Amino acid sequence: MSIDGYFLSKLSAGVGCLVGLGDIRMRVEAAFTAMITIRPEQFSNPEIGDRYKELFDRCTSHAAEIHGEGTIRATLRHMSDEDVSEVAHKIFELHNWLLSERAPEALM
């Protein structure tokens, strides 16, 4: 499996978390947990890697304030519902973008 194939599987797992039970913050946090091994600099398309890094940085911009809380949870707690929903949508867009780039390879 290529590195992009591996990253696609991680993005797919993240998208799967987005459609599960729980409030949007819990689902987005679970999505990032599923995608934690993605390394933006390793995407074959650097633009996808840059977009993923921007999104990850956006979701880790607040330090933990509560014992046992990670930066993702702390950051999501400070975001509006609309902003968290936008993050979820961007995860879905990244997944579809990488999927569309891999489509010709998958047909071979």
Protein backbone atom coordinates (compact mmCIF):
# COMPACT_ATOMS: atom_id res chain seq x y z
CA MET A 1 0.00 0.00 0.00
CA SER A 2 1.31 3.42 -0.91
CA ILE A 3 1.61 6.14 1.71
CA ASP A 4 -1.35 7.96 0.15
CA GLY A 5 -3.35 4.73 0.38
CA TYR A 6 -2.48 4.53 4.07
CA PHE A 7 -3.46 8.18 4.60
CA LEU A 8 -6.71 7.60 2.72
CA SER A 9 -7.53 4.73 5.08
CA LYS A 10 -6.89 7.06 8.05
CA LEU A 11 -9.03 9.83 6.54
CA SER A 12 -11.75 7.23 5.89
CA ALA A 13 -11.62 6.20 9.53
CA GLY A 14 -11.87 9.87 10.50
CA VAL A 15 -14.90 10.38 8.27
CA GLY A 16 -16.46 7.31 9.86
CA CYS A 17 -16.11 8.96 13.26
CA LEU A 18 -17.89 12.05 12.01
CA VAL A 19 -21.09 10.16 11.30
CA GLY A 20 -21.21 8.37 14.65
CA LEU A 21 -23.06 9.16 17.84
CA GLY A 22 -22.18 12.06 20.12
CA ASP A 23 -21.97 15.78 19.79
CA ILE A 24 -19.94 17.32 16.99
CA ARG A 25 -16.93 18.10 19.22
CA MET A 26 -16.67 14.51 20.40
CA ARG A 27 -16.95 13.23 16.83
CA VAL A 28 -14.29 15.61 15.47
CA GLU A 29 -11.96 14.75 18.34
CA ALA A 30 -12.46 11.04 17.57
CA ALA A 31 -11.76 11.75 13.90
CA PHE A 32 -8.42 13.36 14.71
CA THR A 33 -7.57 10.44 17.01
CA ALA A 34 -8.22 8.10 14.07
CA MET A 35 -5.98 10.24 11.83
CA ILE A 36 -3.16 10.86 14.33
CA THR A 37 -0.53 8.98 12.30
CA ILE A 38 -1.00 11.15 9.20
CA ARG A 39 2.19 13.06 8.38
CA PRO A 40 1.31 16.05 6.16
CA GLU A 41 4.76 16.30 4.63
CA GLN A 42 4.49 12.75 3.26
CA PHE A 43 1.46 13.23 0.97
CA SER A 44 2.43 12.86 -2.69
CA ASN A 45 0.39 16.02 -3.37
CA PRO A 46 1.94 18.70 -1.12
CA GLU A 47 -1.21 20.83 -1.36
CA ILE A 48 -3.26 18.14 0.39
CA GLY A 49 -0.57 17.87 3.05
CA ASP A 50 -0.59 21.64 3.52
CA ARG A 51 -4.37 21.70 3.90
CA TYR A 52 -4.25 18.86 6.42
CA LYS A 53 -1.52 20.63 8.41
CA GLU A 54 -3.51 23.90 8.44
CA LEU A 55 -6.56 22.02 9.72
CA PHE A 56 -4.58 20.12 12.35
CA ASP A 57 -2.85 23.32 13.50
CA ARG A 58 -6.22 25.06 13.72
CA CYS A 59 -7.53 22.25 15.94
CA THR A 60 -4.51 22.20 18.26
CA SER A 61 -4.09 25.93 18.82
CA HIS A 62 -5.18 25.99 22.49
CA ALA A 63 -3.17 24.46 25.29
CA ALA A 64 -4.92 22.01 27.60
CA GLU A 65 -6.52 23.80 30.53
CA ILE A 66 -7.99 20.84 32.37
CA HIS A 67 -5.96 17.91 33.71
CA GLY A 68 -6.04 15.05 31.21
CA GLU A 69 -7.36 17.22 28.40
CA GLY A 70 -5.44 17.28 25.14
CA THR A 71 -4.93 20.22 22.83
CA ILE A 72 -7.55 19.02 20.36
CA ARG A 73 -10.28 18.84 23.00
CA ALA A 74 -9.21 22.17 24.50
CA THR A 75 -9.28 23.87 21.10
CA LEU A 76 -12.61 22.37 20.06
CA ARG A 77 -14.13 23.51 23.36
CA HIS A 78 -13.24 27.10 22.45
CA MET A 79 -14.77 26.86 18.94
CA SER A 80 -18.36 27.63 18.03
CA ASP A 81 -20.60 24.82 16.79
CA GLU A 82 -20.34 26.34 13.32
CA ASP A 83 -16.53 26.32 13.40
CA VAL A 84 -16.41 22.70 14.57
CA SER A 85 -18.89 21.76 11.86
CA GLU A 86 -16.63 23.47 9.31
CA VAL A 87 -13.68 21.40 10.55
CA ALA A 88 -15.75 18.23 10.08
CA HIS A 89 -16.62 19.32 6.56
CA LYS A 90 -12.95 20.01 5.76
CA ILE A 91 -11.99 16.50 6.93
CA PHE A 92 -14.62 15.14 4.55
CA GLU A 93 -13.31 17.35 1.71
CA LEU A 94 -9.71 16.18 2.27
CA HIS A 95 -10.88 12.57 2.20
CA ASN A 96 -12.75 13.11 -1.08
CA TRP A 97 -9.84 15.03 -2.62
CA LEU A 98 -7.38 12.25 -1.88
CA LEU A 99 -9.91 9.63 -2.99
CA SER A 100 -10.40 11.41 -6.32
CA GLU A 101 -6.63 11.59 -6.89
CA ARG A 102 -6.32 7.88 -6.20
CA ALA A 103 -9.33 6.85 -8.33
CA PRO A 104 -7.32 6.17 -11.53
CA GLU A 105 -4.85 4.07 -9.52
CA ALA A 106 -7.69 2.11 -7.91
CA LEU A 107 -9.13 1.25 -11.32
CA MET A 108 -5.91 -0.42 -12.49
